[in-house]
Amino acid sequence: MTAVKPNRSEAFVAANKPCTSRRFILCKNELLLHVGNELLRSGSRIILLITLGEQGMILFDGDQPPYHVPPRAREVYDLSGAGDTAIAH
């Protein structure tokens, strides 16, 4: 496995941390950054992309600083396969 793409709730569950609120300011959400870094440490060399719904995505890649991918509004007809599409970009 080289890349993992959980959504925010799945990332918190995987790190065994409570996910108390869906509303957050990404730059000030230290808990989300902690969760991402903790998940990176728990596995072998992987890339972690956490999807954040309307807030975009955040990419964790080894020793690089986390990178926030801002959202781009699109008209969506079918959400099936959205995770695969997100990680392919």
Protein backbone atom coordinates (compact mmCIF):
# COMPACT_ATOMS: atom_id res chain seq x y z
CA MET A 1 0.00 0.00 0.00
CA THR A 2 1.44 3.37 -0.99
CA ALA A 3 -1.49 5.74 -0.49
CA VAL A 4 -4.42 5.87 1.91
CA LYS A 5 -7.43 8.18 1.48
CA PRO A 6 -9.71 8.28 4.51
CA ASN A 7 -12.26 11.00 5.04
CA ARG A 8 -11.94 13.16 8.16
CA SER A 9 -14.15 10.94 10.35
CA GLU A 10 -12.38 7.75 9.22
CA ALA A 11 -8.98 9.30 9.97
CA PHE A 12 -10.05 10.19 13.51
CA VAL A 13 -11.41 6.67 14.09
CA ALA A 14 -8.21 5.09 12.74
CA ALA A 15 -6.15 7.24 15.12
CA ASN A 16 -8.52 6.42 18.00
CA LYS A 17 -9.28 10.12 18.56
CA PRO A 18 -12.71 11.67 19.15
CA CYS A 19 -14.12 13.64 16.24
CA THR A 20 -16.28 16.20 18.00
CA SER A 21 -17.12 18.77 15.37
CA ARG A 22 -17.40 18.91 11.60
CA ARG A 23 -16.90 22.67 11.64
CA PHE A 24 -13.30 23.75 11.88
CA ILE A 25 -10.75 26.17 10.53
CA LEU A 26 -8.12 24.03 8.84
CA CYS A 27 -5.11 26.18 9.75
CA LYS A 28 -6.03 26.15 13.43
CA ASN A 29 -7.09 22.51 13.70
CA GLU A 30 -4.06 21.12 15.48
CA LEU A 31 -5.91 17.89 16.28
CA LEU A 32 -6.41 17.12 12.57
CA LEU A 33 -2.69 17.71 11.96
CA HIS A 34 -1.85 15.50 14.94
CA VAL A 35 -4.12 12.73 13.63
CA GLY A 36 -2.53 12.87 10.17
CA ASN A 37 0.99 12.73 11.56
CA GLU A 38 0.07 9.92 13.95
CA LEU A 39 -1.38 7.83 11.10
CA LEU A 40 1.79 8.39 9.05
CA ARG A 41 3.93 7.12 11.92
CA SER A 42 1.75 4.04 12.41
CA GLY A 43 2.35 2.55 8.97
CA SER A 44 5.12 1.91 6.52
CA ARG A 45 6.09 4.58 4.02
CA ILE A 46 2.68 5.79 2.82
CA ILE A 47 1.09 8.95 1.51
CA LEU A 48 -2.00 9.99 3.45
CA LEU A 49 -4.71 12.10 1.81
CA ILE A 50 -7.56 13.05 4.15
CA THR A 51 -10.66 14.32 2.36
CA LEU A 52 -12.48 17.14 4.13
CA GLY A 53 -15.67 17.53 2.11
CA GLU A 54 -16.35 21.16 1.26
CA GLN A 55 -13.03 22.17 2.87
CA GLY A 56 -10.97 20.24 0.29
CA MET A 57 -8.25 17.74 1.24
CA ILE A 58 -5.03 17.65 3.22
CA LEU A 59 -2.00 15.68 2.07
CA PHE A 60 0.56 14.16 4.45
CA ASP A 61 3.71 12.87 2.75
CA GLY A 62 6.61 11.82 4.94
CA ASP A 63 8.72 14.69 6.25
CA GLN A 64 7.03 17.28 4.04
CA PRO A 65 4.73 19.80 5.76
CA PRO A 66 1.02 18.97 5.38
CA TYR A 67 -0.40 20.44 2.18
CA HIS A 68 -3.99 21.72 2.04
CA VAL A 69 -5.65 21.12 -1.33
CA PRO A 70 -8.45 23.69 -1.61
CA PRO A 71 -11.81 22.58 -2.99
CA ARG A 72 -12.93 23.26 -6.55
CA ALA A 73 -16.69 23.39 -7.02
CA ARG A 74 -18.00 20.95 -9.60
CA GLU A 75 -21.45 19.77 -10.57
CA VAL A 76 -21.62 16.14 -9.44
CA TYR A 77 -24.03 13.54 -10.77
CA ASP A 78 -22.75 10.39 -9.06
CA LEU A 79 -20.54 10.15 -5.97
CA SER A 80 -19.59 6.52 -6.42
CA GLY A 81 -15.84 6.27 -7.00
CA ALA A 82 -15.20 9.78 -5.67
CA GLY A 83 -12.41 8.53 -3.40
CA ASP A 84 -10.63 6.80 -6.27
CA THR A 85 -10.97 9.93 -8.37
CA ALA A 86 -9.61 12.12 -5.56
CA ILE A 87 -6.53 9.99 -5.02
CA ALA A 88 -5.89 9.68 -8.78
CA HIS A 89 -5.56 13.44 -9.17
